[in-house]
Protein backbone atom coordinates (compact mmCIF):
# COMPACT_ATOMS: atom_id res chain seq x y z
CA MET A 1 -64.30 -4.83 -7.64
CA SER A 2 -65.83 -1.55 -8.80
CA GLN A 3 -69.57 -0.95 -8.55
CA SER A 4 -72.03 1.13 -10.55
CA ALA A 5 -71.83 3.88 -7.93
CA ASP A 6 -68.21 4.48 -8.96
CA TYR A 7 -69.37 5.70 -12.38
CA ARG A 8 -72.26 7.96 -11.41
CA SER A 9 -72.50 11.29 -13.22
CA GLY A 10 -74.07 13.08 -10.29
CA LYS A 11 -77.32 13.59 -12.18
CA GLY A 12 -80.43 12.74 -10.18
CA HIS A 13 -84.19 12.75 -10.47
CA ARG A 14 -84.39 16.46 -9.66
CA ASP A 15 -82.37 17.19 -12.82
CA GLU A 16 -84.96 15.62 -15.13
CA ASN A 17 -87.39 17.63 -17.25
CA PHE A 18 -90.26 15.59 -15.88
CA PRO A 19 -91.28 14.62 -12.33
CA VAL A 20 -90.08 11.25 -11.08
CA ALA A 21 -92.35 9.73 -8.43
CA SER A 22 -93.59 13.12 -7.28
CA HIS A 23 -95.87 13.53 -4.29
CA LEU A 24 -98.81 13.10 -6.63
CA VAL A 25 -97.95 9.38 -6.55
CA SER A 26 -99.00 7.40 -3.49
CA ALA A 27 -96.22 7.32 -0.88
CA ARG A 28 -96.22 3.53 -0.76
CA HIS A 29 -95.27 3.33 -4.44
CA ARG A 30 -92.53 5.96 -4.45
CA PRO A 31 -89.71 3.79 -2.98
CA ILE A 32 -89.89 1.10 -5.68
CA ILE A 33 -90.21 3.70 -8.45
CA MET A 34 -87.13 5.48 -7.10
CA ALA A 35 -85.25 2.16 -6.92
CA PHE A 36 -86.12 1.60 -10.58
CA TYR A 37 -85.04 5.14 -11.47
CA ASP A 38 -81.72 4.72 -9.63
CA PHE A 39 -81.10 1.46 -11.49
CA ALA A 40 -81.80 3.13 -14.83
CA ARG A 41 -79.68 6.16 -13.90
CA ALA A 42 -76.75 3.93 -12.92
CA ALA A 43 -76.94 1.95 -16.17
CA ASP A 44 -77.24 5.14 -18.22
CA ASP A 45 -74.20 6.66 -16.50
CA ILE A 46 -72.18 3.54 -17.27
CA ALA A 47 -73.18 3.56 -20.95
CA ASP A 48 -72.30 7.26 -21.23
CA HIS A 49 -69.10 7.17 -19.19
CA ALA A 50 -66.29 9.10 -20.84
CA THR A 51 -63.32 6.89 -19.92
CA LEU A 52 -64.68 3.35 -19.73
CA THR A 53 -63.98 1.19 -22.77
CA PRO A 54 -66.90 -0.62 -24.44
CA ASP A 55 -65.78 -3.92 -22.88
CA GLU A 56 -65.61 -2.32 -19.43
CA LYS A 57 -69.09 -0.88 -19.89
CA PHE A 58 -70.46 -4.30 -20.79
CA VAL A 59 -68.85 -5.80 -17.69
CA GLN A 60 -70.49 -3.20 -15.44
CA LEU A 61 -73.88 -3.57 -17.11
CA ASP A 62 -73.59 -7.35 -16.72
CA ARG A 63 -72.88 -6.87 -13.02
CA LEU A 64 -76.02 -4.76 -12.66
CA GLU A 65 -78.05 -7.45 -14.41
CA ALA A 66 -76.59 -10.27 -12.31
CA SER A 67 -77.39 -8.37 -9.13
CA LEU A 68 -80.91 -7.72 -10.33
CA THR A 69 -81.63 -11.32 -11.31
CA GLY A 70 -79.80 -12.96 -8.41
CA THR A 71 -77.43 -14.86 -10.67
CA GLY A 72 -74.32 -13.32 -9.16
CA ALA A 73 -72.48 -10.09 -8.42
CA ASP A 74 -73.27 -7.78 -5.55
CA ASP A 75 -73.95 -4.33 -6.96
CA PRO A 76 -76.02 -2.45 -4.35
CA THR A 77 -78.13 -0.65 -6.97
CA GLY A 78 -79.18 -3.90 -8.61
CA LEU A 79 -79.72 -5.62 -5.26
CA ARG A 80 -81.90 -2.75 -4.03
CA LEU A 81 -84.20 -2.99 -7.04
CA ARG A 82 -84.27 -6.80 -6.80
CA ALA A 83 -85.43 -6.57 -3.18
CA ALA A 84 -88.08 -3.98 -4.01
CA LEU A 85 -89.42 -6.09 -6.89
CA MET A 86 -89.58 -9.18 -4.70
CA ASP A 87 -91.48 -7.26 -2.02
CA CYS A 88 -94.09 -6.27 -4.62
CA ASN A 89 -94.10 -9.63 -6.39
CA LEU A 90 -93.04 -8.06 -9.68
CA PRO A 91 -90.63 -9.52 -12.27
CA PRO A 92 -87.47 -7.72 -13.47
CA ARG A 93 -88.60 -7.72 -17.13
CA HIS A 94 -88.80 -3.93 -17.57
CA ALA A 95 -85.40 -3.27 -16.00
CA LEU A 96 -83.90 -6.00 -18.18
CA ASP A 97 -85.40 -4.34 -21.25
CA LEU A 98 -83.76 -1.05 -20.25
CA LEU A 99 -80.41 -2.81 -20.08
CA LYS A 100 -80.83 -3.83 -23.73
CA ALA A 101 -81.02 -0.15 -24.66
CA PHE A 102 -78.00 0.81 -22.58
CA ARG A 103 -75.95 -2.01 -24.12
CA GLN A 104 -77.02 -0.75 -27.53
CA ASP A 105 -75.83 2.74 -26.57
CA VAL A 106 -72.33 1.38 -26.04
CA THR A 107 -71.85 0.43 -29.68
CA LYS A 108 -74.59 2.02 -31.81
CA THR A 109 -74.18 5.72 -32.51
CA ARG A 110 -76.44 6.40 -35.50
CA TYR A 111 -80.12 5.74 -36.34
CA ALA A 112 -81.11 5.43 -39.97
CA ASP A 113 -84.75 6.50 -39.79
CA TRP A 114 -87.80 7.08 -37.61
CA ASP A 115 -88.62 3.38 -37.36
CA GLU A 116 -85.13 2.57 -36.12
CA LEU A 117 -85.41 5.35 -33.54
CA ILE A 118 -88.77 4.01 -32.33
CA GLY A 119 -87.19 0.56 -32.14
CA TYR A 120 -84.58 1.96 -29.75
CA CYS A 121 -87.29 3.64 -27.68
CA THR A 122 -89.00 0.27 -27.35
CA TYR A 123 -86.24 -0.60 -24.88
CA SER A 124 -85.00 2.80 -23.70
CA ALA A 125 -88.33 4.48 -22.91
CA MET A 126 -91.37 2.23 -23.06
CA PRO A 127 -90.33 -0.06 -20.17
CA VAL A 128 -90.35 2.91 -17.78
CA GLY A 129 -94.04 3.65 -18.21
CA ARG A 130 -94.97 -0.02 -18.25
CA PHE A 131 -93.15 -0.53 -14.98
CA VAL A 132 -94.96 2.34 -13.24
CA LEU A 133 -98.29 1.05 -14.51
CA ASP A 134 -97.50 -2.45 -13.24
CA VAL A 135 -96.55 -1.07 -9.82
CA HIS A 136 -100.01 0.52 -9.64
CA GLY A 137 -101.76 -2.63 -10.82
CA GLU A 138 -103.07 -1.00 -14.00
CA ASP A 139 -104.29 -3.14 -16.88
CA VAL A 140 -101.89 -3.94 -19.73
CA SER A 141 -104.34 -2.20 -22.07
CA THR A 142 -102.81 1.06 -20.82
CA TRP A 143 -99.39 0.13 -22.20
CA ALA A 144 -100.07 1.37 -25.75
CA ALA A 145 -100.77 4.97 -24.72
CA SER A 146 -97.95 4.81 -22.20
CA ASP A 147 -95.52 3.64 -24.88
CA VAL A 148 -96.31 6.71 -26.97
CA LEU A 149 -95.96 9.15 -24.07
CA CYS A 150 -92.65 7.65 -22.94
CA THR A 151 -91.31 7.65 -26.49
CA VAL A 152 -92.23 11.32 -26.88
CA LEU A 153 -90.37 12.13 -23.66
CA GLN A 154 -87.35 10.25 -24.96
CA ILE A 155 -87.33 12.05 -28.31
CA ILE A 156 -87.67 15.40 -26.55
CA ASN A 157 -84.56 14.53 -24.53
CA HIS A 158 -82.75 13.37 -27.66
CA THR A 159 -83.56 16.58 -29.50
CA GLN A 160 -82.70 18.96 -26.68
CA ASP A 161 -79.40 17.14 -26.05
CA CYS A 162 -78.49 16.52 -29.69
CA GLY A 163 -75.45 18.81 -29.62
CA LYS A 164 -74.12 17.50 -26.33
CA ASP A 165 -74.64 13.86 -27.33
CA TYR A 166 -72.70 14.40 -30.55
CA ARG A 167 -69.84 16.38 -29.01
CA ASN A 168 -69.39 14.21 -25.91
CA LEU A 169 -70.37 10.74 -27.13
CA ASP A 170 -70.37 10.91 -30.95
CA ARG A 171 -73.92 9.62 -30.59
CA VAL A 172 -76.70 10.88 -32.87
CA TYR A 173 -80.33 9.94 -32.32
CA ILE A 174 -81.60 12.34 -34.99
CA PRO A 175 -82.57 10.02 -37.90
CA GLN A 176 -79.99 10.09 -40.66
CA ASP A 177 -82.58 10.18 -43.43
CA MET A 178 -84.17 13.30 -41.91
CA LEU A 179 -80.79 15.01 -41.74
CA ALA A 180 -80.11 14.15 -45.38
CA ALA A 181 -83.55 15.27 -46.53
CA ALA A 182 -82.98 18.69 -44.95
CA GLY A 183 -79.50 19.02 -46.43
CA ALA A 184 -77.95 18.77 -42.96
CA THR A 185 -75.02 16.69 -41.70
CA THR A 186 -74.13 15.16 -38.37
CA ALA A 187 -71.09 17.47 -38.16
CA MET A 188 -73.47 20.43 -37.89
CA LEU A 189 -74.49 19.15 -34.46
CA GLY A 190 -71.09 20.17 -33.12
CA ALA A 191 -71.61 23.88 -33.77
CA ALA A 192 -72.64 26.55 -31.28
CA TYR A 193 -75.90 27.12 -33.13
CA ALA A 194 -77.91 25.27 -35.77
CA THR A 195 -77.62 26.07 -39.46
CA PRO A 196 -80.91 26.68 -41.30
CA GLN A 197 -80.69 23.15 -42.70
CA LEU A 198 -80.18 21.53 -39.31
CA LEU A 199 -82.86 23.68 -37.72
CA ASN A 200 -85.26 22.60 -40.45
CA CYS A 201 -84.45 18.96 -39.68
CA LEU A 202 -84.93 19.36 -35.92
CA HIS A 203 -88.22 21.19 -36.39
CA ARG A 204 -89.43 18.46 -38.76
CA LEU A 205 -88.53 15.83 -36.17
CA THR A 206 -90.45 17.79 -33.53
CA ASP A 207 -93.46 18.08 -35.84
CA ARG A 208 -93.42 14.34 -36.50
CA THR A 209 -93.18 13.67 -32.78
CA GLN A 210 -96.17 15.95 -32.18
CA VAL A 211 -98.24 14.10 -34.80
CA TYR A 212 -97.25 10.75 -33.22
CA PHE A 213 -98.26 12.13 -29.82
CA ASP A 214 -101.60 13.56 -30.98
CA ALA A 215 -102.62 10.28 -32.62
CA SER A 216 -102.53 8.48 -29.27
CA PRO A 217 -105.38 8.48 -26.75
CA SER A 218 -104.80 10.21 -23.42
CA LEU A 219 -103.00 7.88 -21.04
CA ALA A 220 -104.33 9.76 -18.00
CA GLY A 221 -107.88 9.02 -19.14
CA GLU A 222 -107.16 5.27 -19.24
CA ILE A 223 -105.63 5.02 -15.76
CA LYS A 224 -107.82 3.92 -12.86
CA ASP A 225 -105.64 5.26 -10.04
CA THR A 226 -106.47 8.95 -9.76
CA ARG A 227 -103.18 9.97 -8.18
CA LEU A 228 -101.21 8.32 -10.96
CA ALA A 229 -103.55 9.83 -13.56
CA CYS A 230 -102.76 13.28 -12.14
CA GLU A 231 -99.02 12.60 -12.36
CA VAL A 232 -99.34 11.38 -15.93
CA ALA A 233 -101.51 14.35 -16.93
CA ALA A 234 -98.85 16.70 -15.54
CA ILE A 235 -96.10 14.91 -17.49
CA ASP A 236 -98.21 14.98 -20.65
CA ALA A 237 -98.74 18.74 -20.29
CA LEU A 238 -95.04 19.38 -19.67
CA ALA A 239 -94.14 17.34 -22.77
CA ARG A 240 -96.45 19.47 -24.90
CA LYS A 241 -94.90 22.66 -23.53
CA LEU A 242 -91.39 21.43 -24.33
CA LEU A 243 -92.42 20.37 -27.84
CA ALA A 244 -93.73 23.88 -28.39
CA ILE A 245 -90.35 25.29 -27.30
CA LEU A 246 -88.49 22.89 -29.61
CA LYS A 247 -90.70 23.89 -32.56
CA GLN A 248 -89.52 27.47 -32.23
CA GLY A 249 -86.02 27.24 -30.81
CA ASP A 250 -82.50 26.08 -31.52
CA PRO A 251 -81.44 23.37 -29.03
CA LEU A 252 -77.77 23.92 -29.87
CA LYS A 253 -77.81 27.41 -28.41
CA ASP A 254 -81.06 27.67 -26.43
CA LYS A 255 -81.85 25.82 -23.22
CA VAL A 256 -84.96 23.73 -23.72
CA HIS A 257 -86.34 24.14 -20.26
CA LEU A 258 -89.34 25.34 -18.29
CA GLY A 259 -88.63 27.52 -15.28
CA LYS A 260 -89.87 26.34 -11.90
CA GLY A 261 -92.81 28.74 -12.00
CA ALA A 262 -93.94 27.69 -15.46
CA MET A 263 -93.42 24.02 -14.62
CA LEU A 264 -95.48 24.29 -11.45
CA ALA A 265 -98.25 26.23 -13.17
CA THR A 266 -98.40 23.67 -15.98
CA MET A 267 -98.62 20.80 -13.53
CA ILE A 268 -101.29 22.46 -11.38
CA THR A 269 -103.44 23.20 -14.43
CA ALA A 270 -103.11 19.63 -15.67
CA VAL A 271 -103.91 18.11 -12.28
CA ALA A 272 -106.90 20.40 -11.77
CA GLY A 273 -108.26 19.51 -15.20
CA THR A 274 -107.87 15.80 -14.49
CA LEU A 275 -109.70 16.07 -11.17
CA VAL A 276 -112.53 18.11 -12.68
CA ARG A 277 -113.01 15.56 -15.46
CA ARG A 278 -113.01 12.69 -12.98
CA VAL A 279 -115.52 14.34 -10.70
CA GLY A 280 -117.68 15.15 -13.70
CA SER A 281 -117.60 11.55 -14.85
CA GLY A 282 -118.43 10.22 -11.39
CA SER A 283 -114.90 9.07 -10.49
CA THR A 284 -113.53 9.68 -7.00
CA MET A 285 -110.02 9.97 -5.62
CA GLN A 286 -108.84 6.48 -4.80
CA ARG A 287 -107.24 5.81 -1.48
CA GLY A 288 -103.82 4.68 -2.70
CA SER A 289 -104.25 2.31 -5.65
CA GLN A 290 -104.99 -1.25 -6.59
CA GLY A 291 -101.44 -2.15 -5.71
CA ALA A 292 -98.89 -4.22 -7.56
CA ARG A 293 -100.08 -6.99 -9.78
CA PRO A 294 -99.77 -10.44 -8.18
């Protein structure tokens, strides 16, 4: 019987726009976060696989879920996350929510409006931040700001990959009503560069994402664990840099990417600012964190 590893794209955490369990995070938390990332990466690769039929994708996603929940199957990726969750006394709820999004990806290829896109992000993005917060024992009150940050990261990825998603998967996350309002069509996403109408639509989507982002309180300021707050502050700063690039560029022809130097400088500045604010407010660097919630 095939396993999720047979359908891997080769993409890993180092290929992401944002750090995944970087060394800013306490070493004792990195293994479970990486197990969660590998699970999500495996499910994403299955949902996006070029030759699997929809039914075959559902079978593989079901195998991942069964391995995660202990109800059957023996997929190593699911078993590895199951073991890590059991060690930390955490439920599989966030990974199961992600699977809802990947199953949706198999059959749903268009999103009518902003609300429908946010509904998708409820399962495709928000569980990631909630999981990391749970691993660190943070209060559920931090989920709201985390949901916004994770959704912004997801929409950035959707926008930068809009041409590739359309050409390779016939999948369009750009809201249909925004395309129509700008006089753009989904077919325009298949071109080598954006028409003025499509560019107008993509820039409007970026602007709306920025407004959504700015209306949320800073997640880093709500987090008790200083190391995690530094990681989150760095991700927040990188997201703002990428939004600025998207506001000016054409993702069909331009690579939406920060070079290693710019990425490192952005992260260092964000971390330094977080530490200065914490020292100024009387906070100190925690040794590790509160740990996983019982």
